Amino acid sequence: MVAENRAGANGMIGVALTVQAPPDGYTLGLAGGGPLTLARVVDSRVRFDVQRDLVPLARIARVPLVLAARADLPARDTGRAAPLLSEAERALVGLEGWILRLR
């Protein structure tokens, strides 16, 4: 087995190469949630459709996600952060290399 890391675009390059490979079993892709769930949402140029073009073979790991904010945010839990977010004119959310602009 040869592992070839195709880094970039938060994993979308590797997923695209997996989709484009011949269906002969010699190419398998390993990707996190970002390129599999958000790719088409944040980049309309993405040509692959995860549900159409890929099939899950195994879950390799369970990875916890942590919701974090700047240390100087005047909130220390989601109950206090949610009202701040709802009152904001705009918000940025970062997730596994993505930055999503809300509003």
PDB file of N, CA and C in Angstrom:
ATOM      1  N   MET A   1       0.845  -1.167   0.000  1.00  0.00           N
ATOM      2  CA  MET A   1       0.000   0.000   0.000  1.00  0.00           C
ATOM      3  C   MET A   1       0.896   1.236   0.000  1.00  0.00           C
ATOM      4  N   VAL A   2       0.538   2.202  -0.790  1.00  0.00           N
ATOM      5  CA  VAL A   2       1.246   3.474  -0.860  1.00  0.00           C
ATOM      6  C   VAL A   2       0.271   4.574  -0.481  1.00  0.00           C
ATOM      7  N   ALA A   3       0.626   5.366   0.519  1.00  0.00           N
ATOM      8  CA  ALA A   3      -0.205   6.509   0.914  1.00  0.00           C
ATOM      9  C   ALA A   3       0.332   7.747   0.218  1.00  0.00           C
ATOM     10  N   GLU A   4      -0.526   8.425  -0.510  1.00  0.00           N
ATOM     11  CA  GLU A   4      -0.139   9.646  -1.216  1.00  0.00           C
ATOM     12  C   GLU A   4      -0.978  10.790  -0.679  1.00  0.00           C
ATOM     13  N   ASN A   5      -0.350  11.674   0.049  1.00  0.00           N
ATOM     14  CA  ASN A   5      -1.059  12.803   0.634  1.00  0.00           C
ATOM     15  C   ASN A   5      -1.196  13.906  -0.414  1.00  0.00           C
ATOM     16  N   ARG A   6      -2.403  14.228  -0.785  1.00  0.00           N
ATOM     17  CA  ARG A   6      -2.679  15.328  -1.711  1.00  0.00           C
ATOM     18  C   ARG A   6      -3.330  16.442  -0.928  1.00  0.00           C
ATOM     19  N   ALA A   7      -2.504  17.212  -0.281  1.00  0.00           N
ATOM     20  CA  ALA A   7      -2.998  18.274   0.599  1.00  0.00           C
ATOM     21  C   ALA A   7      -3.505  19.467  -0.194  1.00  0.00           C
ATOM     22  N   GLY A   8      -4.366  20.215   0.428  1.00  0.00           N
ATOM     23  CA  GLY A   8      -4.849  21.459  -0.151  1.00  0.00           C
ATOM     24  C   GLY A   8      -6.351  21.508  -0.213  1.00  0.00           C
ATOM     25  N   ALA A   9      -6.867  22.707  -0.176  1.00  0.00           N
ATOM     26  CA  ALA A   9      -8.304  22.963  -0.285  1.00  0.00           C
ATOM     27  C   ALA A   9      -9.093  22.195   0.767  1.00  0.00           C
ATOM     28  N   ASN A  10      -8.499  22.045   1.951  1.00  0.00           N
ATOM     29  CA  ASN A  10      -9.136  21.353   3.069  1.00  0.00           C
ATOM     30  C   ASN A  10      -9.589  19.946   2.719  1.00  0.00           C
ATOM     31  N   GLY A  11      -8.818  19.250   1.919  1.00  0.00           N
ATOM     32  CA  GLY A  11      -9.120  17.865   1.593  1.00  0.00           C
ATOM     33  C   GLY A  11      -9.903  17.665   0.317  1.00  0.00           C
ATOM     34  N   MET A  12     -10.398  18.744  -0.291  1.00  0.00           N
ATOM     35  CA  MET A  12     -11.216  18.599  -1.503  1.00  0.00           C
ATOM     36  C   MET A  12     -10.402  18.067  -2.676  1.00  0.00           C
ATOM     37  N   ILE A  13      -9.105  18.366  -2.725  1.00  0.00           N
ATOM     38  CA  ILE A  13      -8.266  17.860  -3.813  1.00  0.00           C
ATOM     39  C   ILE A  13      -8.187  16.343  -3.741  1.00  0.00           C
ATOM     40  N   GLY A  14      -7.940  15.820  -2.549  1.00  0.00           N
ATOM     41  CA  GLY A  14      -7.871  14.371  -2.384  1.00  0.00           C
ATOM     42  C   GLY A  14      -9.193  13.680  -2.686  1.00  0.00           C
ATOM     43  N   VAL A  15     -10.293  14.265  -2.249  1.00  0.00           N
ATOM     44  CA  VAL A  15     -11.607  13.677  -2.530  1.00  0.00           C
ATOM     45  C   VAL A  15     -11.876  13.698  -4.032  1.00  0.00           C
ATOM     46  N   ALA A  16     -11.559  14.797  -4.695  1.00  0.00           N
ATOM     47  CA  ALA A  16     -11.766  14.884  -6.147  1.00  0.00           C
ATOM     48  C   ALA A  16     -10.936  13.832  -6.884  1.00  0.00           C
ATOM     49  N   LEU A  17      -9.699  13.614  -6.463  1.00  0.00           N
ATOM     50  CA  LEU A  17      -8.869  12.593  -7.098  1.00  0.00           C
ATOM     51  C   LEU A  17      -9.428  11.194  -6.858  1.00  0.00           C
ATOM     52  N   THR A  18      -9.988  10.956  -5.687  1.00  0.00           N
ATOM     53  CA  THR A  18     -10.620   9.667  -5.407  1.00  0.00           C
ATOM     54  C   THR A  18     -11.810   9.447  -6.336  1.00  0.00           C
ATOM     55  N   VAL A  19     -12.616  10.475  -6.512  1.00  0.00           N
ATOM     56  CA  VAL A  19     -13.793  10.382  -7.386  1.00  0.00           C
ATOM     57  C   VAL A  19     -13.376  10.136  -8.842  1.00  0.00           C
ATOM     58  N   GLN A  20     -12.291  10.761  -9.277  1.00  0.00           N
ATOM     59  CA  GLN A  20     -11.843  10.661 -10.668  1.00  0.00           C
ATOM     60  C   GLN A  20     -11.085   9.367 -10.964  1.00  0.00           C
ATOM     61  N   ALA A  21     -10.642   8.648  -9.943  1.00  0.00           N
ATOM     62  CA  ALA A  21      -9.857   7.431 -10.153  1.00  0.00           C
ATOM     63  C   ALA A  21     -10.715   6.322 -10.754  1.00  0.00           C
ATOM     64  N   PRO A  22     -10.096   5.406 -11.495  1.00  0.00           N
ATOM     65  CA  PRO A  22     -10.852   4.270 -12.030  1.00  0.00           C
ATOM     66  C   PRO A  22     -11.430   3.422 -10.886  1.00  0.00           C
ATOM     67  N   PRO A  23     -12.609   2.859 -11.054  1.00  0.00           N
ATOM     68  CA  PRO A  23     -13.227   2.056  -9.990  1.00  0.00           C
ATOM     69  C   PRO A  23     -12.635   0.646  -9.941  1.00  0.00           C
ATOM     70  N   ASP A  24     -11.330   0.549  -9.738  1.00  0.00           N
ATOM     71  CA  ASP A  24     -10.654  -0.746  -9.755  1.00  0.00           C
ATOM     72  C   ASP A  24     -10.198  -1.211  -8.373  1.00  0.00           C
ATOM     73  N   GLY A  25     -10.481  -0.417  -7.315  1.00  0.00           N
ATOM     74  CA  GLY A  25     -10.094  -0.798  -5.966  1.00  0.00           C
ATOM     75  C   GLY A  25      -8.693  -0.398  -5.581  1.00  0.00           C
ATOM     76  N   TYR A  26      -7.955   0.223  -6.492  1.00  0.00           N
ATOM     77  CA  TYR A  26      -6.587   0.628  -6.190  1.00  0.00           C
ATOM     78  C   TYR A  26      -6.500   2.018  -5.570  1.00  0.00           C
ATOM     79  N   THR A  27      -7.584   2.744  -5.551  1.00  0.00           N
ATOM     80  CA  THR A  27      -7.589   4.084  -4.968  1.00  0.00           C
ATOM     81  C   THR A  27      -8.706   4.177  -3.941  1.00  0.00           C
ATOM     82  N   LEU A  28      -8.331   4.486  -2.717  1.00  0.00           N
ATOM     83  CA  LEU A  28      -9.282   4.715  -1.639  1.00  0.00           C
ATOM     84  C   LEU A  28      -9.021   6.103  -1.082  1.00  0.00           C
ATOM     85  N   GLY A  29     -10.047   6.780  -0.659  1.00  0.00           N
ATOM     86  CA  GLY A  29      -9.894   8.116  -0.102  1.00  0.00           C
ATOM     87  C   GLY A  29     -10.184   8.123   1.383  1.00  0.00           C
ATOM     88  N   LEU A  30      -9.462   8.943   2.100  1.00  0.00           N
ATOM     89  CA  LEU A  30      -9.685   9.134   3.530  1.00  0.00           C
ATOM     90  C   LEU A  30      -9.858  10.630   3.758  1.00  0.00           C
ATOM     91  N   ALA A  31     -11.021  11.020   4.246  1.00  0.00           N
ATOM     92  CA  ALA A  31     -11.301  12.454   4.386  1.00  0.00           C
ATOM     93  C   ALA A  31     -12.078  12.719   5.665  1.00  0.00           C
ATOM     94  N   GLY A  32     -11.907  13.916   6.167  1.00  0.00           N
ATOM     95  CA  GLY A  32     -12.668  14.363   7.327  1.00  0.00           C
ATOM     96  C   GLY A  32     -14.017  14.906   6.899  1.00  0.00           C
ATOM     97  N   GLY A  33     -14.727  15.454   7.843  1.00  0.00           N
ATOM     98  CA  GLY A  33     -16.078  15.925   7.567  1.00  0.00           C
ATOM     99  C   GLY A  33     -16.178  17.094   6.612  1.00  0.00           C
ATOM    100  N   GLY A  34     -15.205  18.016   6.651  1.00  0.00           N
ATOM    101  CA  GLY A  34     -15.281  19.225   5.834  1.00  0.00           C
ATOM    102  C   GLY A  34     -15.483  18.977   4.355  1.00  0.00           C
ATOM    103  N   PRO A  35     -14.571  18.274   3.704  1.00  0.00           N
ATOM    104  CA  PRO A  35     -14.729  18.088   2.268  1.00  0.00           C
ATOM    105  C   PRO A  35     -15.908  17.194   1.895  1.00  0.00           C
ATOM    106  N   LEU A  36     -16.388  16.410   2.831  1.00  0.00           N
ATOM    107  CA  LEU A  36     -17.505  15.521   2.531  1.00  0.00           C
ATOM    108  C   LEU A  36     -18.864  16.165   2.791  1.00  0.00           C
ATOM    109  N   THR A  37     -18.900  17.170   3.629  1.00  0.00           N
ATOM    110  CA  THR A  37     -20.200  17.765   3.964  1.00  0.00           C
ATOM    111  C   THR A  37     -20.366  19.202   3.508  1.00  0.00           C
ATOM    112  N   LEU A  38     -19.278  19.968   3.464  1.00  0.00           N
ATOM    113  CA  LEU A  38     -19.403  21.396   3.193  1.00  0.00           C
ATOM    114  C   LEU A  38     -18.859  21.837   1.846  1.00  0.00           C
ATOM    115  N   ALA A  39     -18.195  20.956   1.135  1.00  0.00           N
ATOM    116  CA  ALA A  39     -17.489  21.369  -0.078  1.00  0.00           C
ATOM    117  C   ALA A  39     -18.376  22.127  -1.062  1.00  0.00           C
ATOM    118  N   ARG A  40     -19.509  21.583  -1.403  1.00  0.00           N
ATOM    119  CA  ARG A  40     -20.377  22.223  -2.399  1.00  0.00           C
ATOM    120  C   ARG A  40     -21.085  23.453  -1.844  1.00  0.00           C
ATOM    121  N   VAL A  41     -21.187  23.541  -0.534  1.00  0.00           N
ATOM    122  CA  VAL A  41     -21.828  24.697   0.081  1.00  0.00           C
ATOM    123  C   VAL A  41     -20.924  25.920  -0.014  1.00  0.00           C
ATOM    124  N   VAL A  42     -19.626  25.719   0.232  1.00  0.00           N
ATOM    125  CA  VAL A  42     -18.708  26.856   0.265  1.00  0.00           C
ATOM    126  C   VAL A  42     -18.001  27.117  -1.058  1.00  0.00           C
ATOM    127  N   ASP A  43     -18.053  26.173  -1.990  1.00  0.00           N
ATOM    128  CA  ASP A  43     -17.371  26.373  -3.270  1.00  0.00           C
ATOM    129  C   ASP A  43     -18.212  25.773  -4.394  1.00  0.00           C
ATOM    130  N   SER A  44     -18.856  26.621  -5.162  1.00  0.00           N
ATOM    131  CA  SER A  44     -19.748  26.159  -6.232  1.00  0.00           C
ATOM    132  C   SER A  44     -18.992  25.500  -7.385  1.00  0.00           C
ATOM    133  N   ARG A  45     -17.661  25.617  -7.403  1.00  0.00           N
ATOM    134  CA  ARG A  45     -16.870  24.998  -8.470  1.00  0.00           C
ATOM    135  C   ARG A  45     -16.619  23.509  -8.238  1.00  0.00           C
ATOM    136  N   VAL A  46     -16.968  23.003  -7.074  1.00  0.00           N
ATOM    137  CA  VAL A  46     -16.750  21.591  -6.760  1.00  0.00           C
ATOM    138  C   VAL A  46     -17.599  20.748  -7.701  1.00  0.00           C
ATOM    139  N   ARG A  47     -16.962  19.800  -8.356  1.00  0.00           N
ATOM    140  CA  ARG A  47     -17.644  18.988  -9.372  1.00  0.00           C
ATOM    141  C   ARG A  47     -18.177  17.657  -8.841  1.00  0.00           C
ATOM    142  N   PHE A  48     -17.721  17.231  -7.678  1.00  0.00           N
ATOM    143  CA  PHE A  48     -18.176  15.930  -7.192  1.00  0.00           C
ATOM    144  C   PHE A  48     -19.395  16.082  -6.289  1.00  0.00           C
ATOM    145  N   ASP A  49     -20.202  15.036  -6.252  1.00  0.00           N
ATOM    146  CA  ASP A  49     -21.357  14.948  -5.373  1.00  0.00           C
ATOM    147  C   ASP A  49     -21.106  13.751  -4.463  1.00  0.00           C
ATOM    148  N   VAL A  50     -20.910  14.000  -3.193  1.00  0.00           N
ATOM    149  CA  VAL A  50     -20.527  12.943  -2.262  1.00  0.00           C
ATOM    150  C   VAL A  50     -21.528  11.795  -2.268  1.00  0.00           C
ATOM    151  N   GLN A  51     -22.811  12.094  -2.272  1.00  0.00           N
ATOM    152  CA  GLN A  51     -23.821  11.036  -2.233  1.00  0.00           C
ATOM    153  C   GLN A  51     -23.869  10.237  -3.524  1.00  0.00           C
ATOM    154  N   ARG A  52     -23.580  10.848  -4.639  1.00  0.00           N
ATOM    155  CA  ARG A  52     -23.612  10.159  -5.926  1.00  0.00           C
ATOM    156  C   ARG A  52     -22.294   9.449  -6.230  1.00  0.00           C
ATOM    157  N   ASP A  53     -21.183  10.080  -5.898  1.00  0.00           N
ATOM    158  CA  ASP A  53     -19.880   9.628  -6.377  1.00  0.00           C
ATOM    159  C   ASP A  53     -19.086   8.762  -5.406  1.00  0.00           C
ATOM    160  N   LEU A  54     -19.477   8.701  -4.149  1.00  0.00           N
ATOM    161  CA  LEU A  54     -18.717   7.949  -3.153  1.00  0.00           C
ATOM    162  C   LEU A  54     -19.621   7.017  -2.361  1.00  0.00           C
ATOM    163  N   VAL A  55     -19.025   5.994  -1.803  1.00  0.00           N
ATOM    164  CA  VAL A  55     -19.742   5.094  -0.899  1.00  0.00           C
ATOM    165  C   VAL A  55     -18.879   4.936   0.361  1.00  0.00           C
ATOM    166  N   PRO A  56     -19.475   5.054   1.548  1.00  0.00           N
ATOM    167  CA  PRO A  56     -18.680   4.893   2.770  1.00  0.00           C
ATOM    168  C   PRO A  56     -18.308   3.423   2.976  1.00  0.00           C
ATOM    169  N   LEU A  57     -17.043   3.156   3.229  1.00  0.00           N
ATOM    170  CA  LEU A  57     -16.587   1.789   3.468  1.00  0.00           C
ATOM    171  C   LEU A  57     -16.448   1.485   4.957  1.00  0.00           C
ATOM    172  N   ALA A  58     -15.985   2.451   5.730  1.00  0.00           N
ATOM    173  CA  ALA A  58     -15.808   2.243   7.167  1.00  0.00           C
ATOM    174  C   ALA A  58     -15.645   3.580   7.863  1.00  0.00           C
ATOM    175  N   ARG A  59     -16.090   3.635   9.099  1.00  0.00           N
ATOM    176  CA  ARG A  59     -15.796   4.804   9.927  1.00  0.00           C
ATOM    177  C   ARG A  59     -14.479   4.497  10.629  1.00  0.00           C
ATOM    178  N   ILE A  60     -13.507   5.345  10.418  1.00  0.00           N
ATOM    179  CA  ILE A  60     -12.161   5.114  10.942  1.00  0.00           C
ATOM    180  C   ILE A  60     -12.008   5.663  12.359  1.00  0.00           C
ATOM    181  N   ALA A  61     -12.633   6.799  12.645  1.00  0.00           N
ATOM    182  CA  ALA A  61     -12.451   7.434  13.954  1.00  0.00           C
ATOM    183  C   ALA A  61     -13.654   8.286  14.292  1.00  0.00           C
ATOM    184  N   ARG A  62     -13.812   8.536  15.554  1.00  0.00           N
ATOM    185  CA  ARG A  62     -14.769   9.526  16.034  1.00  0.00           C
ATOM    186  C   ARG A  62     -13.947  10.696  16.534  1.00  0.00           C
ATOM    187  N   VAL A  63     -14.174  11.851  15.957  1.00  0.00           N
ATOM    188  CA  VAL A  63     -13.359  13.015  16.279  1.00  0.00           C
ATOM    189  C   VAL A  63     -14.234  14.059  16.958  1.00  0.00           C
ATOM    190  N   PRO A  64     -13.877  14.466  18.172  1.00  0.00           N
ATOM    191  CA  PRO A  64     -14.679  15.505  18.832  1.00  0.00           C
ATOM    192  C   PRO A  64     -14.432  16.870  18.197  1.00  0.00           C
ATOM    193  N   LEU A  65     -15.459  17.668  18.168  1.00  0.00           N
ATOM    194  CA  LEU A  65     -15.335  19.047  17.723  1.00  0.00           C
ATOM    195  C   LEU A  65     -15.508  19.948  18.932  1.00  0.00           C
ATOM    196  N   VAL A  66     -14.756  21.003  18.964  1.00  0.00           N
ATOM    197  CA  VAL A  66     -14.804  21.934  20.078  1.00  0.00           C
ATOM    198  C   VAL A  66     -15.267  23.289  19.564  1.00  0.00           C
ATOM    199  N   LEU A  67     -16.266  23.839  20.193  1.00  0.00           N
ATOM    200  CA  LEU A  67     -16.723  25.181  19.871  1.00  0.00           C
ATOM    201  C   LEU A  67     -15.907  26.139  20.726  1.00  0.00           C
ATOM    202  N   ALA A  68     -15.173  27.013  20.093  1.00  0.00           N
ATOM    203  CA  ALA A  68     -14.289  27.925  20.814  1.00  0.00           C
ATOM    204  C   ALA A  68     -14.491  29.340  20.299  1.00  0.00           C
ATOM    205  N   ALA A  69     -14.084  30.288  21.116  1.00  0.00           N
ATOM    206  CA  ALA A  69     -14.160  31.699  20.737  1.00  0.00           C
ATOM    207  C   ALA A  69     -12.927  32.401  21.279  1.00  0.00           C
ATOM    208  N   ARG A  70     -12.755  33.639  20.868  1.00  0.00           N
ATOM    209  CA  ARG A  70     -11.647  34.437  21.385  1.00  0.00           C
ATOM    210  C   ARG A  70     -11.759  34.554  22.899  1.00  0.00           C
ATOM    211  N   ALA A  71     -10.625  34.642  23.561  1.00  0.00           N
ATOM    212  CA  ALA A  71     -10.603  34.714  25.022  1.00  0.00           C
ATOM    213  C   ALA A  71     -11.269  35.983  25.553  1.00  0.00           C
ATOM    214  N   ASP A  72     -11.293  37.047  24.736  1.00  0.00           N
ATOM    215  CA  ASP A  72     -11.890  38.297  25.225  1.00  0.00           C
ATOM    216  C   ASP A  72     -13.385  38.427  24.897  1.00  0.00           C
ATOM    217  N   LEU A  73     -14.012  37.373  24.357  1.00  0.00           N
ATOM    218  CA  LEU A  73     -15.461  37.393  24.132  1.00  0.00           C
ATOM    219  C   LEU A  73     -16.160  37.450  25.485  1.00  0.00           C
ATOM    220  N   PRO A  74     -17.136  38.333  25.655  1.00  0.00           N
ATOM    221  CA  PRO A  74     -17.799  38.450  26.957  1.00  0.00           C
ATOM    222  C   PRO A  74     -18.831  37.341  27.180  1.00  0.00           C
ATOM    223  N   ALA A  75     -18.436  36.107  26.946  1.00  0.00           N
ATOM    224  CA  ALA A  75     -19.293  34.941  27.180  1.00  0.00           C
ATOM    225  C   ALA A  75     -18.390  33.759  27.486  1.00  0.00           C
ATOM    226  N   ARG A  76     -18.844  32.899  28.376  1.00  0.00           N
ATOM    227  CA  ARG A  76     -18.056  31.730  28.740  1.00  0.00           C
ATOM    228  C   ARG A  76     -18.806  30.423  28.481  1.00  0.00           C
ATOM    229  N   ASP A  77     -19.976  30.516  27.847  1.00  0.00           N
ATOM    230  CA  ASP A  77     -20.725  29.313  27.498  1.00  0.00           C
ATOM    231  C   ASP A  77     -21.655  29.642  26.333  1.00  0.00           C
ATOM    232  N   THR A  78     -22.269  28.611  25.743  1.00  0.00           N
ATOM    233  CA  THR A  78     -23.130  28.834  24.573  1.00  0.00           C
ATOM    234  C   THR A  78     -24.390  29.613  24.920  1.00  0.00           C
ATOM    235  N   GLY A  79     -24.859  29.474  26.155  1.00  0.00           N
ATOM    236  CA  GLY A  79     -26.043  30.225  26.574  1.00  0.00           C
ATOM    237  C   GLY A  79     -25.824  31.730  26.519  1.00  0.00           C
ATOM    238  N   ARG A  80     -24.620  32.158  26.811  1.00  0.00           N
ATOM    239  CA  ARG A  80     -24.308  33.586  26.757  1.00  0.00           C
ATOM    240  C   ARG A  80     -23.812  34.006  25.372  1.00  0.00           C
ATOM    241  N   ALA A  81     -23.227  33.081  24.631  1.00  0.00           N
ATOM    242  CA  ALA A  81     -22.712  33.411  23.297  1.00  0.00           C
ATOM    243  C   ALA A  81     -23.833  33.511  22.262  1.00  0.00           C
ATOM    244  N   ALA A  82     -24.876  32.705  22.395  1.00  0.00           N
ATOM    245  CA  ALA A  82     -25.957  32.690  21.401  1.00  0.00           C
ATOM    246  C   ALA A  82     -26.625  34.059  21.234  1.00  0.00           C
ATOM    247  N   PRO A  83     -26.970  34.766  22.314  1.00  0.00           N
ATOM    248  CA  PRO A  83     -27.567  36.092  22.126  1.00  0.00           C
ATOM    249  C   PRO A  83     -26.619  37.072  21.429  1.00  0.00           C
ATOM    250  N   LEU A  84     -25.320  36.964  21.711  1.00  0.00           N
ATOM    251  CA  LEU A  84     -24.352  37.838  21.042  1.00  0.00           C
ATOM    252  C   LEU A  84     -24.354  37.578  19.541  1.00  0.00           C
ATOM    253  N   LEU A  85     -24.407  36.309  19.169  1.00  0.00           N
ATOM    254  CA  LEU A  85     -24.429  35.944  17.747  1.00  0.00           C
ATOM    255  C   LEU A  85     -25.709  36.422  17.076  1.00  0.00           C
ATOM    256  N   SER A  86     -26.840  36.287  17.760  1.00  0.00           N
ATOM    257  CA  SER A  86     -28.108  36.686  17.143  1.00  0.00           C
ATOM    258  C   SER A  86     -28.217  38.205  16.986  1.00  0.00           C
ATOM    259  N   GLU A  87     -27.496  38.961  17.802  1.00  0.00           N
ATOM    260  CA  GLU A  87     -27.524  40.414  17.715  1.00  0.00           C
ATOM    261  C   GLU A  87     -26.489  40.968  16.740  1.00  0.00           C
ATOM    262  N   ALA A  88     -25.547  40.155  16.334  1.00  0.00           N
ATOM    263  CA  ALA A  88     -24.458  40.630  15.464  1.00  0.00           C
ATOM    264  C   ALA A  88     -24.964  40.887  14.049  1.00  0.00           C
ATOM    265  N   GLU A  89     -24.398  41.898  13.408  1.00  0.00           N
ATOM    266  CA  GLU A  89     -24.734  42.170  12.006  1.00  0.00           C
ATOM    267  C   GLU A  89     -24.214  41.067  11.103  1.00  0.00           C
ATOM    268  N   ARG A  90     -23.054  40.521  11.445  1.00  0.00           N
ATOM    269  CA  ARG A  90     -22.484  39.413  10.701  1.00  0.00           C
ATOM    270  C   ARG A  90     -21.604  38.611  11.646  1.00  0.00           C
ATOM    271  N   ALA A  91     -21.321  37.367  11.268  1.00  0.00           N
ATOM    272  CA  ALA A  91     -20.482  36.514  12.102  1.00  0.00           C
ATOM    273  C   ALA A  91     -19.655  35.611  11.205  1.00  0.00           C
ATOM    274  N   LEU A  92     -18.501  35.240  11.669  1.00  0.00           N
ATOM    275  CA  LEU A  92     -17.650  34.286  10.975  1.00  0.00           C
ATOM    276  C   LEU A  92     -17.552  33.041  11.827  1.00  0.00           C
ATOM    277  N   VAL A  93     -17.654  31.890  11.178  1.00  0.00           N
ATOM    278  CA  VAL A  93     -17.514  30.616  11.872  1.00  0.00           C
ATOM    279  C   VAL A  93     -16.426  29.834  11.164  1.00  0.00           C
ATOM    280  N   GLY A  94     -15.421  29.390  11.894  1.00  0.00           N
ATOM    281  CA  GLY A  94     -14.348  28.591  11.312  1.00  0.00           C
ATOM    282  C   GLY A  94     -14.551  27.128  11.651  1.00  0.00           C
ATOM    283  N   LEU A  95     -14.389  26.248  10.660  1.00  0.00           N
ATOM    284  CA  LEU A  95     -14.574  24.819  10.870  1.00  0.00           C
ATOM    285  C   LEU A  95     -13.587  24.053  10.013  1.00  0.00           C
ATOM    286  N   GLU A  96     -12.653  23.376  10.621  1.00  0.00           N
ATOM    287  CA  GLU A  96     -11.696  22.516   9.921  1.00  0.00           C
ATOM    288  C   GLU A  96     -11.104  23.171   8.678  1.00  0.00           C
ATOM    289  N   GLY A  97     -10.631  24.360   8.814  1.00  0.00           N
ATOM    290  CA  GLY A  97     -10.026  25.030   7.669  1.00  0.00           C
ATOM    291  C   GLY A  97     -10.983  25.901   6.872  1.00  0.00           C
ATOM    292  N   TRP A  98     -12.255  25.835   7.164  1.00  0.00           N
ATOM    293  CA  TRP A  98     -13.252  26.655   6.481  1.00  0.00           C
ATOM    294  C   TRP A  98     -13.530  27.883   7.329  1.00  0.00           C
ATOM    295  N   ILE A  99     -13.862  28.968   6.697  1.00  0.00           N
ATOM    296  CA  ILE A  99     -14.400  30.120   7.416  1.00  0.00           C
ATOM    297  C   ILE A  99     -15.716  30.468   6.733  1.00  0.00           C
ATOM    298  N   LEU A 100     -16.792  30.333   7.442  1.00  0.00           N
ATOM    299  CA  LEU A 100     -18.123  30.587   6.884  1.00  0.00           C
ATOM    300  C   LEU A 100     -18.622  31.925   7.389  1.00  0.00           C
ATOM    301  N   ARG A 101     -19.095  32.750   6.495  1.00  0.00           N
ATOM    302  CA  ARG A 101     -19.638  34.042   6.883  1.00  0.00           C
ATOM    303  C   ARG A 101     -21.152  33.890   7.031  1.00  0.00           C
ATOM    304  N   LEU A 102     -21.642  34.186   8.224  1.00  0.00           N
ATOM    305  CA  LEU A 102     -23.071  34.107   8.490  1.00  0.00           C
ATOM    306  C   LEU A 102     -23.670  35.491   8.351  1.00  0.00           C
ATOM    307  N   ARG A 103     -24.752  35.595   7.611  1.00  0.00           N
ATOM    308  CA  ARG A 103     -25.499  36.815   7.343  1.00  0.00           C
ATOM    309  C   ARG A 103     -24.860  37.638   6.283  1.00  0.00           C
TER     310      ARG A 103
END
